[in-house]
């Protein structure tokens, strides 16, 4: 069953995400894609999370892995969500649309002696190939899912015990909004938010629990130059404006000695969890 306001909530979610499209005249002026995935940054973050696992998302997943069971990580990246769970997991399946990310994850899981399967593809299209697992994790992916209902239903149908979803309280790229205004005179959206995800889950009549917390930022960038380069690409700025952007980042509070990712590190996050519906073997 679903509540009557679900279609309206889903439509607003879709419209809010569509508003993040970058005007063509801006993207056409630069050679680099603004939707940059800095694999080395994701890899460092995965290593940091594995070395010091903590936080509600980790605790809820570990609680559901008693007794130990299989893990499916959707939108795995380099493994920041799932690699810390390996001591409690009997097997790991990772789904991601980026082959390079899956290679990073597979190498780390293999070094830990874990039985791992990687699936290259997008969720929920890859759900059948991935198969069910006892615990399904999905960290920082929902803002890339314009069709949210089938995305969430596939997570639920793939979990025998629990789904653990983590996302930023607000769309992660809102941290760049002031810079978009400064360099392009472009107003960027403020939504959607994690509260919208919770409203949609409630309207889908999925019993959820959630908690809001602050994940400490870590040094995921090798140096300030790397942070500036990634941010420049995200902002559709040409290389000749690198120094200008570096000054703007410093003025905005970025510490060149401890560069933090403006898109996802050191901000408020929400952990949401609910029961899966896959048959238990």
Protein backbone atom coordinates (compact mmCIF):
# COMPACT_ATOMS: atom_id res chain seq x y z
CA UNK A 1 0.00 0.00 0.00
CA UNK A 2 1.01 3.62 -0.48
CA UNK A 3 -0.45 6.87 0.78
CA UNK A 4 -2.21 9.31 -1.54
CA UNK A 5 0.54 11.93 -1.38
CA UNK A 6 3.30 9.61 -2.68
CA UNK A 7 2.95 10.66 -6.37
CA UNK A 8 3.25 14.32 -5.41
CA UNK A 9 6.32 13.65 -3.24
CA UNK A 10 7.98 11.63 -6.01
CA UNK A 11 7.22 14.27 -8.61
CA UNK A 12 8.74 17.00 -6.45
CA UNK A 13 11.83 14.85 -5.83
CA UNK A 14 12.26 14.36 -9.57
CA UNK A 15 11.81 18.07 -10.29
CA UNK A 16 14.23 19.11 -7.53
CA UNK A 17 16.96 16.85 -8.92
CA UNK A 18 16.32 18.00 -12.48
CA UNK A 19 16.93 21.58 -11.32
CA UNK A 20 20.60 20.67 -10.75
CA UNK A 21 21.20 20.47 -14.51
CA UNK A 22 23.93 22.90 -15.55
CA UNK A 23 23.08 25.32 -18.39
CA UNK A 24 24.54 24.15 -21.68
CA UNK A 25 26.36 27.40 -22.35
CA UNK A 26 28.41 26.81 -19.19
CA UNK A 27 29.30 23.16 -19.86
CA UNK A 28 30.10 23.91 -23.50
CA UNK A 29 32.74 26.45 -22.49
CA UNK A 30 35.01 23.88 -20.79
CA UNK A 31 36.55 20.56 -21.77
CA UNK A 32 36.17 18.80 -18.40
CA UNK A 33 32.97 17.17 -17.18
CA UNK A 34 31.58 18.81 -14.03
CA UNK A 35 30.36 15.43 -12.75
CA UNK A 36 33.86 14.45 -11.76
CA UNK A 37 34.43 11.30 -9.70
CA UNK A 38 37.84 11.66 -8.02
CA UNK A 39 38.57 7.96 -7.53
CA UNK A 40 41.67 8.61 -5.47
CA UNK A 41 39.59 10.67 -3.02
CA UNK A 42 37.00 7.90 -2.68
CA UNK A 43 39.79 5.37 -2.15
CA UNK A 44 41.39 7.39 0.65
CA UNK A 45 37.99 7.77 2.29
CA UNK A 46 37.37 4.02 2.12
CA UNK A 47 40.75 3.37 3.74
CA UNK A 48 40.02 5.87 6.49
CA UNK A 49 36.58 4.39 7.22
CA UNK A 50 37.99 0.87 7.27
CA UNK A 51 40.79 1.81 9.65
CA UNK A 52 38.44 3.51 12.13
CA UNK A 53 34.86 2.30 11.58
CA UNK A 54 32.31 4.31 13.55
CA UNK A 55 28.96 6.05 13.39
CA UNK A 56 25.28 5.06 13.32
CA UNK A 57 25.37 3.62 9.79
CA UNK A 58 28.17 1.26 10.75
CA UNK A 59 26.53 0.31 14.04
CA UNK A 60 23.13 -0.43 12.48
CA UNK A 61 24.68 -2.61 9.79
CA UNK A 62 26.81 -4.50 12.31
CA UNK A 63 23.78 -5.06 14.54
CA UNK A 64 21.95 -6.66 11.60
CA UNK A 65 24.98 -8.84 10.86
CA UNK A 66 24.50 -10.83 14.06
CA UNK A 67 24.89 -13.65 13.22
CA UNK A 68 27.33 -12.83 10.40
CA UNK A 69 25.71 -12.64 6.98
CA UNK A 70 26.04 -11.45 3.42
CA UNK A 71 26.34 -7.76 2.48
CA UNK A 72 25.21 -5.99 -0.69
CA UNK A 73 26.56 -2.46 -1.14
CA UNK A 74 24.66 -0.36 -3.69
CA UNK A 75 26.61 2.51 -5.22
CA UNK A 76 29.65 1.20 -3.42
CA UNK A 77 32.30 3.56 -4.72
CA UNK A 78 35.65 2.37 -3.37
CA UNK A 79 33.99 0.66 -0.39
CA UNK A 80 33.66 3.21 2.42
CA UNK A 81 30.34 1.67 3.53
CA UNK A 82 31.04 -2.03 3.09
CA UNK A 83 34.75 -2.63 3.71
CA UNK A 84 34.44 -1.80 7.44
CA UNK A 85 31.79 -4.55 7.66
CA UNK A 86 34.03 -7.35 6.35
CA UNK A 87 34.84 -8.78 9.82
CA UNK A 88 31.09 -9.37 10.26
CA UNK A 89 30.27 -10.48 6.69
CA UNK A 90 30.24 -13.94 5.12
CA UNK A 91 30.35 -12.46 1.59
CA UNK A 92 30.21 -9.11 -0.16
CA UNK A 93 28.55 -7.99 -3.39
CA UNK A 94 29.27 -4.45 -4.61
CA UNK A 95 27.29 -2.60 -7.27
CA UNK A 96 28.57 0.56 -8.93
CA UNK A 97 28.36 2.27 -12.31
CA UNK A 98 32.10 3.08 -12.31
CA UNK A 99 34.46 0.22 -13.16
CA UNK A 100 37.44 2.03 -11.67
CA UNK A 101 35.69 2.32 -8.31
CA UNK A 102 34.88 -1.39 -8.33
CA UNK A 103 38.52 -2.20 -9.07
CA UNK A 104 39.58 -0.11 -6.07
CA UNK A 105 37.09 -1.94 -3.86
CA UNK A 106 37.88 -5.44 -5.17
CA UNK A 107 41.58 -4.98 -4.54
CA UNK A 108 41.03 -3.92 -0.95
CA UNK A 109 38.50 -6.69 -0.26
CA UNK A 110 40.82 -9.31 -1.77
CA UNK A 111 43.68 -8.11 0.41
CA UNK A 112 41.38 -8.65 3.41
CA UNK A 113 40.62 -12.19 2.26
CA UNK A 114 36.94 -11.49 1.58
CA UNK A 115 34.72 -13.37 -0.82
CA UNK A 116 33.61 -10.58 -3.15
CA UNK A 117 31.47 -10.16 -6.25
CA UNK A 118 31.38 -6.91 -8.20
CA UNK A 119 28.51 -5.88 -10.46
CA UNK A 120 29.00 -3.06 -12.95
CA UNK A 121 25.71 -1.23 -13.46
CA UNK A 122 23.13 1.16 -12.13
CA UNK A 123 20.56 0.44 -9.47
CA UNK A 124 17.86 -0.84 -9.71
CA UNK A 125 18.77 -2.23 -13.14
CA UNK A 126 21.56 -4.29 -11.56
CA UNK A 127 19.40 -5.70 -8.75
CA UNK A 128 18.66 -9.04 -10.42
CA UNK A 129 22.33 -9.67 -11.20
CA UNK A 130 23.40 -8.69 -7.69
CA UNK A 131 20.86 -10.92 -5.98
CA UNK A 132 19.67 -10.67 -2.37
CA UNK A 133 21.78 -10.29 0.75
CA UNK A 134 21.20 -10.24 4.47
CA UNK A 135 22.12 -6.56 4.79
CA UNK A 136 21.97 -3.94 2.04
CA UNK A 137 23.97 -0.74 2.46
CA UNK A 138 23.55 2.34 0.30
CA UNK A 139 25.60 5.41 1.17
CA UNK A 140 25.38 8.78 -0.58
CA UNK A 141 23.58 7.56 -3.69
CA UNK A 142 19.94 8.69 -3.45
CA UNK A 143 20.63 12.17 -4.82
CA UNK A 144 21.66 10.39 -8.03
CA UNK A 145 18.32 8.55 -8.23
CA UNK A 146 15.64 10.69 -9.91
CA UNK A 147 13.19 7.75 -9.97
CA UNK A 148 13.34 7.14 -6.26
CA UNK A 149 10.44 4.74 -5.66
CA UNK A 150 11.79 1.81 -7.76
CA UNK A 151 15.25 2.53 -6.35
CA UNK A 152 14.02 2.18 -2.75
CA UNK A 153 11.75 -0.77 -3.47
CA UNK A 154 14.63 -2.68 -5.03
CA UNK A 155 16.76 -2.02 -1.94
CA UNK A 156 13.97 -3.40 0.23
CA UNK A 157 13.37 -6.44 -1.95
CA UNK A 158 17.10 -7.26 -1.92
CA UNK A 159 17.55 -7.27 1.88
CA UNK A 160 16.69 -10.27 4.02
CA UNK A 161 17.32 -8.46 7.30
CA UNK A 162 17.90 -4.72 6.96
CA UNK A 163 18.55 -1.81 4.61
CA UNK A 164 20.94 0.87 5.92
CA UNK A 165 20.91 4.06 3.89
CA UNK A 166 23.16 7.03 4.58
CA UNK A 167 22.89 10.41 2.93
CA UNK A 168 23.79 14.02 3.57
CA UNK A 169 21.11 16.08 5.28
CA UNK A 170 21.06 18.34 2.21
CA UNK A 171 22.11 17.78 -1.37
CA UNK A 172 25.92 17.58 -1.12
CA UNK A 173 26.57 20.07 -3.90
CA UNK A 174 24.80 22.88 -2.04
CA UNK A 175 28.21 23.52 -0.49
CA UNK A 176 29.25 24.92 -3.88
CA UNK A 177 26.26 27.23 -4.31
CA UNK A 178 28.05 30.40 -3.21
CA UNK A 179 30.89 29.64 -5.62
CA UNK A 180 28.47 29.10 -8.52
CA UNK A 181 26.99 32.51 -7.77
CA UNK A 182 30.42 34.11 -7.49
CA UNK A 183 31.92 32.69 -10.69
CA UNK A 184 28.86 32.29 -12.92
CA UNK A 185 26.15 34.46 -11.37
CA UNK A 186 24.05 31.29 -11.24
CA UNK A 187 21.57 30.52 -8.49
CA UNK A 188 21.66 26.81 -7.65
CA UNK A 189 18.90 24.73 -5.99
CA UNK A 190 18.60 24.03 -2.27
CA UNK A 191 16.79 20.69 -2.49
CA UNK A 192 15.98 17.91 -2.31
CA UNK A 193 16.87 16.87 1.24
CA UNK A 194 17.05 13.78 3.43
CA UNK A 195 13.73 14.83 4.95
CA UNK A 196 12.19 14.28 1.52
CA UNK A 197 13.59 10.73 1.45
CA UNK A 198 12.03 10.01 4.83
CA UNK A 199 8.68 11.43 3.71
CA UNK A 200 8.74 9.23 0.62
CA UNK A 201 9.64 6.12 2.62
CA UNK A 202 6.79 6.89 5.02
CA UNK A 203 4.37 7.37 2.13
CA UNK A 204 5.53 3.99 0.78
CA UNK A 205 4.54 2.55 4.18
CA UNK A 206 8.03 1.33 4.93
CA UNK A 207 8.60 1.45 8.68
CA UNK A 208 11.83 3.41 9.08
CA UNK A 209 14.07 4.63 11.86
CA UNK A 210 16.56 7.42 11.35
CA UNK A 211 19.10 9.55 13.16
CA UNK A 212 20.92 12.73 12.20
CA UNK A 213 24.58 13.04 13.12
CA UNK A 214 27.84 14.71 12.13
CA UNK A 215 30.54 12.70 10.40
CA UNK A 216 33.94 14.26 11.11
CA UNK A 217 35.83 15.34 8.03
CA UNK A 218 39.03 13.60 7.12
CA UNK A 219 41.99 14.28 4.86
CA UNK A 220 40.72 12.63 1.69
CA UNK A 221 42.73 14.93 -0.59
CA UNK A 222 46.47 14.54 -1.01
CA UNK A 223 46.91 18.30 -0.95
CA UNK A 224 45.14 21.60 -1.51
CA UNK A 225 45.99 21.60 -5.22
CA UNK A 226 44.02 18.40 -5.69
CA UNK A 227 40.99 19.88 -3.92
CA UNK A 228 41.19 23.01 -6.08
CA UNK A 229 41.42 20.95 -9.28
CA UNK A 230 38.39 18.79 -8.44
CA UNK A 231 36.37 21.85 -7.38
CA UNK A 232 37.37 23.70 -10.56
CA UNK A 233 35.98 20.86 -12.67
CA UNK A 234 32.78 20.72 -10.63
CA UNK A 235 32.31 24.46 -11.19
CA UNK A 236 32.98 24.32 -14.96
CA UNK A 237 35.92 26.68 -14.69
CA UNK A 238 38.85 26.64 -17.14
CA UNK A 239 42.38 25.89 -15.85
CA UNK A 240 43.40 29.55 -16.14
CA UNK A 241 41.04 30.42 -13.27
CA UNK A 242 42.68 27.94 -10.87
CA UNK A 243 44.49 30.59 -8.82
CA UNK A 244 41.32 32.68 -8.54
CA UNK A 245 39.40 29.66 -7.28
CA UNK A 246 42.13 28.80 -4.78
CA UNK A 247 41.82 32.30 -3.33
CA UNK A 248 38.04 31.96 -3.14
CA UNK A 249 38.30 28.62 -1.33
CA UNK A 250 40.73 30.06 1.18
CA UNK A 251 38.49 33.07 1.74
CA UNK A 252 35.57 30.68 2.28
CA UNK A 253 37.35 28.85 5.07
CA UNK A 254 39.18 25.99 3.35
CA UNK A 255 42.44 25.22 5.10
CA UNK A 256 45.24 24.54 2.58
CA UNK A 257 46.99 22.42 5.21
CA UNK A 258 43.90 20.24 5.80
CA UNK A 259 41.83 20.21 2.58
CA UNK A 260 38.32 18.75 3.03
CA UNK A 261 35.91 17.78 0.27
CA UNK A 262 33.29 20.51 -0.13
CA UNK A 263 30.84 17.99 -1.56
CA UNK A 264 30.57 15.35 1.13
CA UNK A 265 33.05 15.50 3.99
CA UNK A 266 32.55 16.86 7.50
CA UNK A 267 28.84 17.67 7.18
CA UNK A 268 25.59 16.57 8.77
CA UNK A 269 24.40 13.20 7.55
CA UNK A 270 21.32 11.06 8.15
CA UNK A 271 21.26 7.31 8.67
CA UNK A 272 17.95 5.66 7.75
CA UNK A 273 17.24 1.98 8.26
CA UNK A 274 14.32 -0.36 7.74
CA UNK A 275 13.48 -4.06 7.40
CA UNK A 276 14.05 -5.86 4.13
CA UNK A 277 11.49 -8.11 2.47
CA UNK A 278 13.64 -10.72 0.70
CA UNK A 279 12.91 -14.31 1.69
CA UNK A 280 15.22 -15.69 4.36
CA UNK A 281 16.91 -18.92 3.45
